[in-house]
Amino acid sequence: MLSRIAESLYWIGRYAERAEGTARILDVHVHGMLQDPWVDQEEACRSLLKVMGVTTDATQVSTLQVVSLLGLEQASPSSVVGALAAARENARGARETISTEMWECLNATWLGLPAARIRIEQQGMHAFFGWVRERCSLLNGLTEATMSRDDGWLFLMLGRSIERADMTARLLSTHADAGGSIQSWLSLLRSCGAWETFLRTYRGALTDRHAAEFLLLDRLFPRSAFAALSAAESCLDELEQATGPRAGVATDAHRIIGRARTDLEFRGVDELLSNLSSVLSTVERACSRANTAITGRYFRATAAVTWAVA
């Protein structure tokens, strides 16, 4: 597979998951502001921007500004709208590899953004975030149904899995910064689409221990940090299956992801809770380092031609 196509597929997976994950995080933030009128809005907003890696020069930051920066800023690939635009642009570069249904889904989502802005004015931000989640879920379903399980699919799943692990860590970071209340866990589980599954798993016992264990370590829930890292590791295994070494692991990316996954797997829940911020920072750094390693391994850019005047 051409590295250009592989890179486009990888970033389709990442950007689509980023749009959905950011929409979920913003939904939790807005609900938190509405449910707890005593919370310091300025501090909560700056904390969220820090978690998402966004800086601002504004002297005062409100929820409306945060939603604008992380939700509607088209020029920023870190925002919901910007990530959807970037996913569509990468799909144009891999048009011959993805299915027609996938392309139509991304294109229709992009073309539907003006109507989504009208929906914000009429129904509020929650309706917009729900629409984004539905469109990203539709893309995920079409990907599963229409793509062959070849290298292209592996690169797309690799991008999605790394972004999902990173977004789950960032979502949990917003909970840790909010003080870690039971109400915060409830909002977090609902935002991840995990509430019903959590109830079936733990018989309705909502505690810090159970919620942290589920979102960090559960092997069966696909949005848990452990499950996402395991999926990324599996993709890297298959990509290197034919050329892997006789000992050790094949790539730096595999080593980085494997260490992060192992660090979660063999920690006790009490240890995770007592060092939650540190654990989440470790997962985020591992995802960033793995992205750099994957880029160096599979997406080597051609150096620009320098023209010399005789």
C-alpha atoms as a PDB file:
ATOM      1  CA  MET A   1       0.000   0.000   0.000  1.00  0.00           C
ATOM      2  CA  LEU A   2       1.227   3.523  -0.823  1.00  0.00           C
ATOM      3  CA  SER A   3       2.292   5.417   2.292  1.00  0.00           C
ATOM      4  CA  ARG A   4       0.145   8.356   1.133  1.00  0.00           C
ATOM      5  CA  ILE A   5      -3.004   6.204   1.156  1.00  0.00           C
ATOM      6  CA  ALA A   6      -2.065   4.554   4.449  1.00  0.00           C
ATOM      7  CA  GLU A   7      -1.555   7.951   6.058  1.00  0.00           C
ATOM      8  CA  SER A   8      -4.913   9.245   4.796  1.00  0.00           C
ATOM      9  CA  LEU A   9      -6.725   6.197   6.169  1.00  0.00           C
ATOM     10  CA  TYR A  10      -4.937   6.473   9.505  1.00  0.00           C
ATOM     11  CA  TRP A  11      -6.000  10.111   9.861  1.00  0.00           C
ATOM     12  CA  ILE A  12      -9.580   9.428   8.784  1.00  0.00           C
ATOM     13  CA  GLY A  13      -9.778   7.081  11.762  1.00  0.00           C
ATOM     14  CA  ARG A  14      -8.156   9.592  14.089  1.00  0.00           C
ATOM     15  CA  TYR A  15     -10.116  12.665  13.020  1.00  0.00           C
ATOM     16  CA  ALA A  16     -13.512  10.926  13.015  1.00  0.00           C
ATOM     17  CA  GLU A  17     -12.854   9.596  16.512  1.00  0.00           C
ATOM     18  CA  ARG A  18     -11.559  13.012  17.608  1.00  0.00           C
ATOM     19  CA  ALA A  19     -14.752  14.703  16.447  1.00  0.00           C
ATOM     20  CA  GLU A  20     -16.884  12.221  18.361  1.00  0.00           C
ATOM     21  CA  GLY A  21     -14.665  12.240  21.464  1.00  0.00           C
ATOM     22  CA  THR A  22     -14.515  16.036  21.612  1.00  0.00           C
ATOM     23  CA  ALA A  23     -18.305  16.216  21.236  1.00  0.00           C
ATOM     24  CA  ARG A  24     -18.668  13.822  24.169  1.00  0.00           C
ATOM     25  CA  ILE A  25     -16.238  15.818  26.322  1.00  0.00           C
ATOM     26  CA  LEU A  26     -18.009  19.108  25.573  1.00  0.00           C
ATOM     27  CA  ASP A  27     -21.377  17.527  26.307  1.00  0.00           C
ATOM     28  CA  VAL A  28     -20.129  16.461  29.754  1.00  0.00           C
ATOM     29  CA  HIS A  29     -18.708  19.941  30.363  1.00  0.00           C
ATOM     30  CA  VAL A  30     -21.900  21.789  29.407  1.00  0.00           C
ATOM     31  CA  HIS A  31     -24.052  19.435  31.489  1.00  0.00           C
ATOM     32  CA  GLY A  32     -21.709  19.874  34.432  1.00  0.00           C
ATOM     33  CA  MET A  33     -22.069  23.645  34.270  1.00  0.00           C
ATOM     34  CA  LEU A  34     -25.874  23.342  34.196  1.00  0.00           C
ATOM     35  CA  GLN A  35     -26.150  20.733  36.967  1.00  0.00           C
ATOM     36  CA  ASP A  36     -23.834  22.451  39.447  1.00  0.00           C
ATOM     37  CA  PRO A  37     -24.474  26.229  39.599  1.00  0.00           C
ATOM     38  CA  TRP A  38     -21.839  26.601  42.338  1.00  0.00           C
ATOM     39  CA  VAL A  39     -18.937  25.450  40.196  1.00  0.00           C
ATOM     40  CA  ASP A  40     -16.311  28.056  39.258  1.00  0.00           C
ATOM     41  CA  GLN A  41     -17.027  28.364  35.523  1.00  0.00           C
ATOM     42  CA  GLU A  42     -13.794  30.235  34.763  1.00  0.00           C
ATOM     43  CA  GLU A  43     -11.605  27.613  36.425  1.00  0.00           C
ATOM     44  CA  ALA A  44     -13.550  24.696  34.899  1.00  0.00           C
ATOM     45  CA  CYS A  45     -13.274  26.174  31.400  1.00  0.00           C
ATOM     46  CA  ARG A  46      -9.544  26.841  31.663  1.00  0.00           C
ATOM     47  CA  SER A  47      -9.020  23.336  33.036  1.00  0.00           C
ATOM     48  CA  LEU A  48     -10.868  21.822  30.080  1.00  0.00           C
ATOM     49  CA  LEU A  49      -8.859  23.862  27.566  1.00  0.00           C
ATOM     50  CA  LYS A  50      -5.650  22.688  29.267  1.00  0.00           C
ATOM     51  CA  VAL A  51      -6.789  19.046  29.126  1.00  0.00           C
ATOM     52  CA  MET A  52      -7.531  19.429  25.407  1.00  0.00           C
ATOM     53  CA  GLY A  53      -4.204  21.155  24.721  1.00  0.00           C
ATOM     54  CA  VAL A  54      -5.753  24.457  23.593  1.00  0.00           C
ATOM     55  CA  THR A  55      -4.368  27.828  24.685  1.00  0.00           C
ATOM     56  CA  THR A  56      -6.136  31.179  24.696  1.00  0.00           C
ATOM     57  CA  ASP A  57      -5.059  34.747  25.399  1.00  0.00           C
ATOM     58  CA  ALA A  58      -8.485  35.766  26.703  1.00  0.00           C
ATOM     59  CA  THR A  59      -8.483  37.209  30.214  1.00  0.00           C
ATOM     60  CA  GLN A  60     -11.869  35.592  30.925  1.00  0.00           C
ATOM     61  CA  VAL A  61     -13.103  32.281  29.542  1.00  0.00           C
ATOM     62  CA  SER A  62     -16.740  31.198  29.491  1.00  0.00           C
ATOM     63  CA  THR A  63     -18.487  27.986  28.493  1.00  0.00           C
ATOM     64  CA  LEU A  64     -19.652  29.701  25.295  1.00  0.00           C
ATOM     65  CA  GLN A  65     -16.041  30.478  24.339  1.00  0.00           C
ATOM     66  CA  VAL A  66     -14.943  26.912  25.106  1.00  0.00           C
ATOM     67  CA  VAL A  67     -17.715  25.505  22.908  1.00  0.00           C
ATOM     68  CA  SER A  68     -16.683  27.919  20.145  1.00  0.00           C
ATOM     69  CA  LEU A  69     -12.983  26.961  20.374  1.00  0.00           C
ATOM     70  CA  LEU A  70     -13.408  23.193  20.780  1.00  0.00           C
ATOM     71  CA  GLY A  71     -16.646  22.723  18.888  1.00  0.00           C
ATOM     72  CA  LEU A  72     -17.116  25.187  16.056  1.00  0.00           C
ATOM     73  CA  GLU A  73     -13.647  26.468  15.097  1.00  0.00           C
ATOM     74  CA  GLN A  74     -13.258  25.260  11.521  1.00  0.00           C
ATOM     75  CA  ALA A  75      -9.570  26.158  11.211  1.00  0.00           C
ATOM     76  CA  SER A  76      -8.558  23.994  14.199  1.00  0.00           C
ATOM     77  CA  PRO A  77      -8.230  20.202  13.737  1.00  0.00           C
ATOM     78  CA  SER A  78      -8.728  19.892  17.509  1.00  0.00           C
ATOM     79  CA  SER A  79     -12.325  21.134  17.284  1.00  0.00           C
ATOM     80  CA  VAL A  80     -15.351  19.044  16.309  1.00  0.00           C
ATOM     81  CA  VAL A  81     -15.999  20.919  13.050  1.00  0.00           C
ATOM     82  CA  GLY A  82     -12.285  21.124  12.211  1.00  0.00           C
ATOM     83  CA  ALA A  83     -11.806  17.375  12.770  1.00  0.00           C
ATOM     84  CA  LEU A  84     -14.790  16.541  10.539  1.00  0.00           C
ATOM     85  CA  ALA A  85     -13.353  18.795   7.821  1.00  0.00           C
ATOM     86  CA  ALA A  86      -9.934  17.127   8.126  1.00  0.00           C
ATOM     87  CA  ALA A  87     -11.473  13.639   7.985  1.00  0.00           C
ATOM     88  CA  ARG A  88     -13.339  14.557   4.794  1.00  0.00           C
ATOM     89  CA  GLU A  89     -10.193  16.023   3.235  1.00  0.00           C
ATOM     90  CA  ASN A  90      -8.233  12.851   3.987  1.00  0.00           C
ATOM     91  CA  ALA A  91     -11.086  10.786   2.536  1.00  0.00           C
ATOM     92  CA  ARG A  92     -10.679  12.724  -0.717  1.00  0.00           C
ATOM     93  CA  GLY A  93      -7.038  11.638  -0.768  1.00  0.00           C
ATOM     94  CA  ALA A  94      -8.003   7.976  -0.272  1.00  0.00           C
ATOM     95  CA  ARG A  95     -11.137   8.041  -2.423  1.00  0.00           C
ATOM     96  CA  GLU A  96     -10.105   4.958  -4.403  1.00  0.00           C
ATOM     97  CA  THR A  97      -9.588   2.920  -1.207  1.00  0.00           C
ATOM     98  CA  ILE A  98     -12.620   3.674   0.957  1.00  0.00           C
ATOM     99  CA  SER A  99     -16.145   2.632  -0.030  1.00  0.00           C
ATOM    100  CA  THR A 100     -18.642   4.924  -1.721  1.00  0.00           C
ATOM    101  CA  GLU A 101     -20.869   4.731   1.358  1.00  0.00           C
ATOM    102  CA  MET A 102     -18.036   5.949   3.625  1.00  0.00           C
ATOM    103  CA  TRP A 103     -17.291   8.874   1.333  1.00  0.00           C
ATOM    104  CA  GLU A 104     -20.943   9.832   1.064  1.00  0.00           C
ATOM    105  CA  CYS A 105     -21.293   9.700   4.850  1.00  0.00           C
ATOM    106  CA  LEU A 106     -18.338  12.036   5.423  1.00  0.00           C
ATOM    107  CA  ASN A 107     -19.365  14.361   2.614  1.00  0.00           C
ATOM    108  CA  ALA A 108     -22.999  14.512   3.773  1.00  0.00           C
ATOM    109  CA  THR A 109     -21.807  15.225   7.329  1.00  0.00           C
ATOM    110  CA  TRP A 110     -19.698  18.118   6.093  1.00  0.00           C
ATOM    111  CA  LEU A 111     -22.495  19.490   3.937  1.00  0.00           C
ATOM    112  CA  GLY A 112     -24.895  19.155   6.886  1.00  0.00           C
ATOM    113  CA  LEU A 113     -22.841  21.363   9.212  1.00  0.00           C
ATOM    114  CA  PRO A 114     -24.651  24.624   8.236  1.00  0.00           C
ATOM    115  CA  ALA A 115     -27.977  22.992   9.149  1.00  0.00           C
ATOM    116  CA  ALA A 116     -26.382  21.736  12.363  1.00  0.00           C
ATOM    117  CA  ARG A 117     -25.533  25.309  13.332  1.00  0.00           C
ATOM    118  CA  ILE A 118     -29.203  26.201  12.896  1.00  0.00           C
ATOM    119  CA  ARG A 119     -30.025  23.235  15.134  1.00  0.00           C
ATOM    120  CA  ILE A 120     -27.770  24.756  17.809  1.00  0.00           C
ATOM    121  CA  GLU A 121     -29.780  27.990  17.745  1.00  0.00           C
ATOM    122  CA  GLN A 122     -33.115  26.147  17.891  1.00  0.00           C
ATOM    123  CA  GLN A 123     -32.406  23.147  20.151  1.00  0.00           C
ATOM    124  CA  GLY A 124     -29.146  23.899  21.969  1.00  0.00           C
ATOM    125  CA  MET A 125     -25.670  22.369  21.989  1.00  0.00           C
ATOM    126  CA  HIS A 126     -26.798  18.957  23.235  1.00  0.00           C
ATOM    127  CA  ALA A 127     -28.683  18.364  19.970  1.00  0.00           C
ATOM    128  CA  PHE A 128     -25.575  19.278  17.954  1.00  0.00           C
ATOM    129  CA  PHE A 129     -23.336  16.963  19.980  1.00  0.00           C
ATOM    130  CA  GLY A 130     -25.865  14.155  19.570  1.00  0.00           C
ATOM    131  CA  TRP A 131     -25.921  14.713  15.805  1.00  0.00           C
ATOM    132  CA  VAL A 132     -22.110  14.522  15.643  1.00  0.00           C
ATOM    133  CA  ARG A 133     -22.104  11.266  17.625  1.00  0.00           C
ATOM    134  CA  GLU A 134     -24.739   9.773  15.315  1.00  0.00           C
ATOM    135  CA  ARG A 135     -22.825  10.723  12.163  1.00  0.00           C
ATOM    136  CA  CYS A 136     -19.545   9.321  13.511  1.00  0.00           C
ATOM    137  CA  SER A 137     -21.297   6.126  14.609  1.00  0.00           C
ATOM    138  CA  LEU A 138     -22.765   5.802  11.104  1.00  0.00           C
ATOM    139  CA  LEU A 139     -19.275   6.136   9.612  1.00  0.00           C
ATOM    140  CA  ASN A 140     -17.940   3.483  12.001  1.00  0.00           C
ATOM    141  CA  GLY A 141     -20.739   1.113  11.027  1.00  0.00           C
ATOM    142  CA  LEU A 142     -20.141   1.644   7.303  1.00  0.00           C
ATOM    143  CA  THR A 143     -16.427   1.078   7.822  1.00  0.00           C
ATOM    144  CA  GLU A 144     -17.096  -2.254   9.539  1.00  0.00           C
ATOM    145  CA  ALA A 145     -19.594  -3.304   6.858  1.00  0.00           C
ATOM    146  CA  THR A 146     -17.907  -2.204   3.633  1.00  0.00           C
ATOM    147  CA  MET A 147     -14.103  -2.396   4.052  1.00  0.00           C
ATOM    148  CA  SER A 148     -12.019  -5.493   3.490  1.00  0.00           C
ATOM    149  CA  ARG A 149      -9.846  -6.476   6.460  1.00  0.00           C
ATOM    150  CA  ASP A 150      -6.656  -5.581   4.621  1.00  0.00           C
ATOM    151  CA  ASP A 151      -3.834  -3.167   5.430  1.00  0.00           C
ATOM    152  CA  GLY A 152      -6.043  -0.163   4.675  1.00  0.00           C
ATOM    153  CA  TRP A 153      -8.580  -1.248   7.264  1.00  0.00           C
ATOM    154  CA  LEU A 154      -5.784  -1.903   9.777  1.00  0.00           C
ATOM    155  CA  PHE A 155      -4.409   1.622   9.381  1.00  0.00           C
ATOM    156  CA  LEU A 156      -7.865   3.143   9.816  1.00  0.00           C
ATOM    157  CA  MET A 157      -8.508   1.017  12.939  1.00  0.00           C
ATOM    158  CA  LEU A 158      -5.049   1.859  14.261  1.00  0.00           C
ATOM    159  CA  GLY A 159      -5.773   5.584  14.010  1.00  0.00           C
ATOM    160  CA  ARG A 160      -9.200   5.193  15.594  1.00  0.00           C
ATOM    161  CA  SER A 161      -7.860   3.075  18.484  1.00  0.00           C
ATOM    162  CA  ILE A 162      -5.020   5.441  19.377  1.00  0.00           C
ATOM    163  CA  GLU A 163      -7.336   8.458  19.262  1.00  0.00           C
ATOM    164  CA  ARG A 164      -9.959   6.596  21.321  1.00  0.00           C
ATOM    165  CA  ALA A 165      -7.450   5.757  24.063  1.00  0.00           C
ATOM    166  CA  ASP A 166      -6.284   9.385  24.105  1.00  0.00           C
ATOM    167  CA  MET A 167      -9.857  10.748  24.205  1.00  0.00           C
ATOM    168  CA  THR A 168     -10.893   8.391  27.013  1.00  0.00           C
ATOM    169  CA  ALA A 169      -7.902   9.585  29.036  1.00  0.00           C
ATOM    170  CA  ARG A 170      -8.813  13.225  28.375  1.00  0.00           C
ATOM    171  CA  LEU A 171     -12.453  12.575  29.283  1.00  0.00           C
ATOM    172  CA  LEU A 172     -11.369  11.031  32.584  1.00  0.00           C
ATOM    173  CA  SER A 173      -9.033  13.991  33.159  1.00  0.00           C
ATOM    174  CA  THR A 174     -12.039  16.337  33.050  1.00  0.00           C
ATOM    175  CA  HIS A 175     -13.623  14.174  35.763  1.00  0.00           C
ATOM    176  CA  ALA A 176     -10.485  14.281  37.925  1.00  0.00           C
ATOM    177  CA  ASP A 177     -10.271  18.066  37.574  1.00  0.00           C
ATOM    178  CA  ALA A 178     -13.967  18.390  38.491  1.00  0.00           C
ATOM    179  CA  GLY A 179     -13.341  16.840  41.900  1.00  0.00           C
ATOM    180  CA  GLY A 180     -14.329  13.242  41.164  1.00  0.00           C
ATOM    181  CA  SER A 181     -17.925  13.282  42.446  1.00  0.00           C
ATOM    182  CA  ILE A 182     -20.387  10.425  41.890  1.00  0.00           C
ATOM    183  CA  GLN A 183     -22.508  12.790  39.785  1.00  0.00           C
ATOM    184  CA  SER A 184     -19.457  13.410  37.620  1.00  0.00           C
ATOM    185  CA  TRP A 185     -18.989   9.653  37.133  1.00  0.00           C
ATOM    186  CA  LEU A 186     -22.638   9.352  36.119  1.00  0.00           C
ATOM    187  CA  SER A 187     -22.294  12.098  33.494  1.00  0.00           C
ATOM    188  CA  LEU A 188     -19.066  10.528  32.267  1.00  0.00           C
ATOM    189  CA  LEU A 189     -20.563   7.062  31.821  1.00  0.00           C
ATOM    190  CA  ARG A 190     -23.619   8.440  30.032  1.00  0.00           C
ATOM    191  CA  SER A 191     -21.429  10.519  27.732  1.00  0.00           C
ATOM    192  CA  CYS A 192     -19.378   7.447  26.767  1.00  0.00           C
ATOM    193  CA  GLY A 193     -22.521   5.482  26.003  1.00  0.00           C
ATOM    194  CA  ALA A 194     -21.450   3.173  28.819  1.00  0.00           C
ATOM    195  CA  TRP A 195     -24.196   3.642  31.409  1.00  0.00           C
ATOM    196  CA  GLU A 196     -26.390   0.632  30.554  1.00  0.00           C
ATOM    197  CA  THR A 197     -23.386  -1.635  30.029  1.00  0.00           C
ATOM    198  CA  PHE A 198     -21.936  -0.478  33.342  1.00  0.00           C
ATOM    199  CA  LEU A 199     -25.218  -1.242  35.136  1.00  0.00           C
ATOM    200  CA  ARG A 200     -25.296  -4.773  33.711  1.00  0.00           C
ATOM    201  CA  THR A 201     -21.655  -5.343  34.657  1.00  0.00           C
ATOM    202  CA  TYR A 202     -21.779  -4.046  38.241  1.00  0.00           C
ATOM    203  CA  ARG A 203     -25.487  -4.518  39.038  1.00  0.00           C
ATOM    204  CA  GLY A 204     -26.038  -0.786  39.489  1.00  0.00           C
ATOM    205  CA  ALA A 205     -23.370  -0.199  42.158  1.00  0.00           C
ATOM    206  CA  LEU A 206     -21.926   3.184  41.110  1.00  0.00           C
ATOM    207  CA  THR A 207     -18.721   3.756  43.067  1.00  0.00           C
ATOM    208  CA  ASP A 208     -15.408   5.421  42.255  1.00  0.00           C
ATOM    209  CA  ARG A 209     -13.712   2.030  42.171  1.00  0.00           C
ATOM    210  CA  HIS A 210     -16.192   0.403  39.786  1.00  0.00           C
ATOM    211  CA  ALA A 211     -16.425   3.376  37.422  1.00  0.00           C
ATOM    212  CA  ALA A 212     -12.633   3.772  37.176  1.00  0.00           C
ATOM    213  CA  GLU A 213     -12.166   0.035  36.681  1.00  0.00           C
ATOM    214  CA  PHE A 214     -14.772  -0.036  33.908  1.00  0.00           C
ATOM    215  CA  LEU A 215     -13.508   2.965  31.907  1.00  0.00           C
ATOM    216  CA  LEU A 216      -9.829   2.163  32.323  1.00  0.00           C
ATOM    217  CA  LEU A 217      -9.530  -1.625  32.461  1.00  0.00           C
ATOM    218  CA  ASP A 218     -12.640  -3.329  31.059  1.00  0.00           C
ATOM    219  CA  ARG A 219     -11.640  -5.774  28.316  1.00  0.00           C
ATOM    220  CA  LEU A 220     -15.066  -5.983  26.662  1.00  0.00           C
ATOM    221  CA  PHE A 221     -16.171  -2.340  26.506  1.00  0.00           C
ATOM    222  CA  PRO A 222     -14.555  -0.849  23.347  1.00  0.00           C
ATOM    223  CA  ARG A 223     -14.130   2.672  24.762  1.00  0.00           C
ATOM    224  CA  SER A 224     -12.122   1.652  27.800  1.00  0.00           C
ATOM    225  CA  ALA A 225      -8.502   2.764  27.683  1.00  0.00           C
ATOM    226  CA  PHE A 226      -7.260  -0.830  27.964  1.00  0.00           C
ATOM    227  CA  ALA A 227      -9.495  -2.103  25.138  1.00  0.00           C
ATOM    228  CA  ALA A 228      -8.457   0.762  22.832  1.00  0.00           C
ATOM    229  CA  LEU A 229      -4.741   0.224  23.500  1.00  0.00           C
ATOM    230  CA  SER A 230      -5.167  -3.536  22.977  1.00  0.00           C
ATOM    231  CA  ALA A 231      -6.893  -2.902  19.625  1.00  0.00           C
ATOM    232  CA  ALA A 232      -4.045  -0.613  18.529  1.00  0.00           C
ATOM    233  CA  GLU A 233      -1.505  -3.234  19.563  1.00  0.00           C
ATOM    234  CA  SER A 234      -3.377  -5.897  17.592  1.00  0.00           C
ATOM    235  CA  CYS A 235      -3.359  -3.696  14.462  1.00  0.00           C
ATOM    236  CA  LEU A 236       0.391  -3.172  14.762  1.00  0.00           C
ATOM    237  CA  ASP A 237       0.866  -6.939  15.204  1.00  0.00           C
ATOM    238  CA  GLU A 238      -0.989  -7.677  11.968  1.00  0.00           C
ATOM    239  CA  LEU A 239       0.762  -4.925  10.009  1.00  0.00           C
ATOM    240  CA  GLU A 240       4.160  -6.405  10.947  1.00  0.00           C
ATOM    241  CA  GLN A 241       3.122 -10.052  10.841  1.00  0.00           C
ATOM    242  CA  ALA A 242       5.057 -10.931   7.698  1.00  0.00           C
ATOM    243  CA  THR A 243       8.217  -8.964   8.516  1.00  0.00           C
ATOM    244  CA  GLY A 244       8.323  -9.070  12.316  1.00  0.00           C
ATOM    245  CA  PRO A 245      11.531  -9.996  14.199  1.00  0.00           C
ATOM    246  CA  ARG A 246      12.221 -13.391  15.751  1.00  0.00           C
ATOM    247  CA  ALA A 247      12.540 -11.772  19.186  1.00  0.00           C
ATOM    248  CA  GLY A 248      11.008  -8.715  20.817  1.00  0.00           C
ATOM    249  CA  VAL A 249       8.658  -6.381  18.990  1.00  0.00           C
ATOM    250  CA  ALA A 250       8.944  -5.025  15.485  1.00  0.00           C
ATOM    251  CA  THR A 251       8.469  -1.283  15.943  1.00  0.00           C
ATOM    252  CA  ASP A 252       8.896   1.510  18.454  1.00  0.00           C
ATOM    253  CA  ALA A 253       5.160   2.218  18.197  1.00  0.00           C
ATOM    254  CA  HIS A 254       4.400  -1.358  19.258  1.00  0.00           C
ATOM    255  CA  ARG A 255       6.757  -1.035  22.222  1.00  0.00           C
ATOM    256  CA  ILE A 256       5.206   2.249  23.350  1.00  0.00           C
ATOM    257  CA  ILE A 257       1.619   0.994  23.084  1.00  0.00           C
ATOM    258  CA  GLY A 258       2.512  -2.325  24.720  1.00  0.00           C
ATOM    259  CA  ARG A 259       4.094  -0.611  27.714  1.00  0.00           C
ATOM    260  CA  ALA A 260       1.097   1.672  28.194  1.00  0.00           C
ATOM    261  CA  ARG A 261      -1.308  -1.265  27.961  1.00  0.00           C
ATOM    262  CA  THR A 262       0.760  -3.364  30.374  1.00  0.00           C
ATOM    263  CA  ASP A 263       1.047  -0.477  32.833  1.00  0.00           C
ATOM    264  CA  LEU A 264      -2.752  -0.318  33.009  1.00  0.00           C
ATOM    265  CA  GLU A 265      -3.292  -4.077  33.017  1.00  0.00           C
ATOM    266  CA  PHE A 266      -1.092  -4.838  36.008  1.00  0.00           C
ATOM    267  CA  ARG A 267      -2.045  -1.927  38.264  1.00  0.00           C
ATOM    268  CA  GLY A 268      -4.586  -2.444  41.016  1.00  0.00           C
ATOM    269  CA  VAL A 269      -7.741  -0.337  40.932  1.00  0.00           C
ATOM    270  CA  ASP A 270      -6.855   1.349  44.238  1.00  0.00           C
ATOM    271  CA  GLU A 271      -3.458   2.301  42.821  1.00  0.00           C
ATOM    272  CA  LEU A 272      -5.105   3.682  39.687  1.00  0.00           C
ATOM    273  CA  LEU A 273      -7.494   5.823  41.722  1.00  0.00           C
ATOM    274  CA  SER A 274      -4.774   7.187  43.994  1.00  0.00           C
ATOM    275  CA  ASN A 275      -2.634   8.201  40.993  1.00  0.00           C
ATOM    276  CA  LEU A 276      -5.403   8.871  38.463  1.00  0.00           C
ATOM    277  CA  SER A 277      -4.011  12.121  37.029  1.00  0.00           C
ATOM    278  CA  SER A 278      -0.544  10.595  36.605  1.00  0.00           C
ATOM    279  CA  VAL A 279      -1.929   7.441  34.960  1.00  0.00           C
ATOM    280  CA  LEU A 280      -4.029   9.458  32.508  1.00  0.00           C
ATOM    281  CA  SER A 281      -1.078  11.705  31.620  1.00  0.00           C
ATOM    282  CA  THR A 282       0.985   8.578  30.917  1.00  0.00           C
ATOM    283  CA  VAL A 283      -1.678   7.251  28.516  1.00  0.00           C
ATOM    284  CA  GLU A 284      -1.883  10.604  26.703  1.00  0.00           C
ATOM    285  CA  ARG A 285       1.912  10.798  26.334  1.00  0.00           C
ATOM    286  CA  ALA A 286       2.044   7.208  25.072  1.00  0.00           C
ATOM    287  CA  CYS A 287      -0.542   7.992  22.378  1.00  0.00           C
ATOM    288  CA  SER A 288       1.418  11.061  21.288  1.00  0.00           C
ATOM    289  CA  ARG A 289       4.725   9.176  21.166  1.00  0.00           C
ATOM    290  CA  ALA A 290       3.125   6.251  19.335  1.00  0.00           C
ATOM    291  CA  ASN A 291       1.735   8.642  16.721  1.00  0.00           C
ATOM    292  CA  THR A 292       5.235  10.025  16.127  1.00  0.00           C
ATOM    293  CA  ALA A 293       6.680   6.511  15.850  1.00  0.00           C
ATOM    294  CA  ILE A 294       3.954   5.378  13.421  1.00  0.00           C
ATOM    295  CA  THR A 295       4.529   8.449  11.255  1.00  0.00           C
ATOM    296  CA  GLY A 296       8.259   7.725  11.096  1.00  0.00           C
ATOM    297  CA  ARG A 297       7.730   4.044  10.359  1.00  0.00           C
ATOM    298  CA  TYR A 298       4.962   4.117   7.746  1.00  0.00           C
ATOM    299  CA  PHE A 299       4.469   7.665   6.485  1.00  0.00           C
ATOM    300  CA  ARG A 300       7.914   8.879   5.502  1.00  0.00           C
ATOM    301  CA  ALA A 301       7.522  12.116   3.616  1.00  0.00           C
ATOM    302  CA  THR A 302       9.533  12.743   0.455  1.00  0.00           C
ATOM    303  CA  ALA A 303      11.968  15.595   0.807  1.00  0.00           C
ATOM    304  CA  ALA A 304      11.131  18.683  -1.204  1.00  0.00           C
ATOM    305  CA  VAL A 305      13.119  19.253  -4.414  1.00  0.00           C
ATOM    306  CA  THR A 306      15.486  22.202  -4.186  1.00  0.00           C
ATOM    307  CA  TRP A 307      15.905  24.099  -7.436  1.00  0.00           C
ATOM    308  CA  ALA A 308      19.269  25.679  -8.075  1.00  0.00           C
ATOM    309  CA  VAL A 309      19.843  28.417 -10.593  1.00  0.00           C
ATOM    310  CA  ALA A 310      22.832  27.697 -12.801  1.00  0.00           C
END
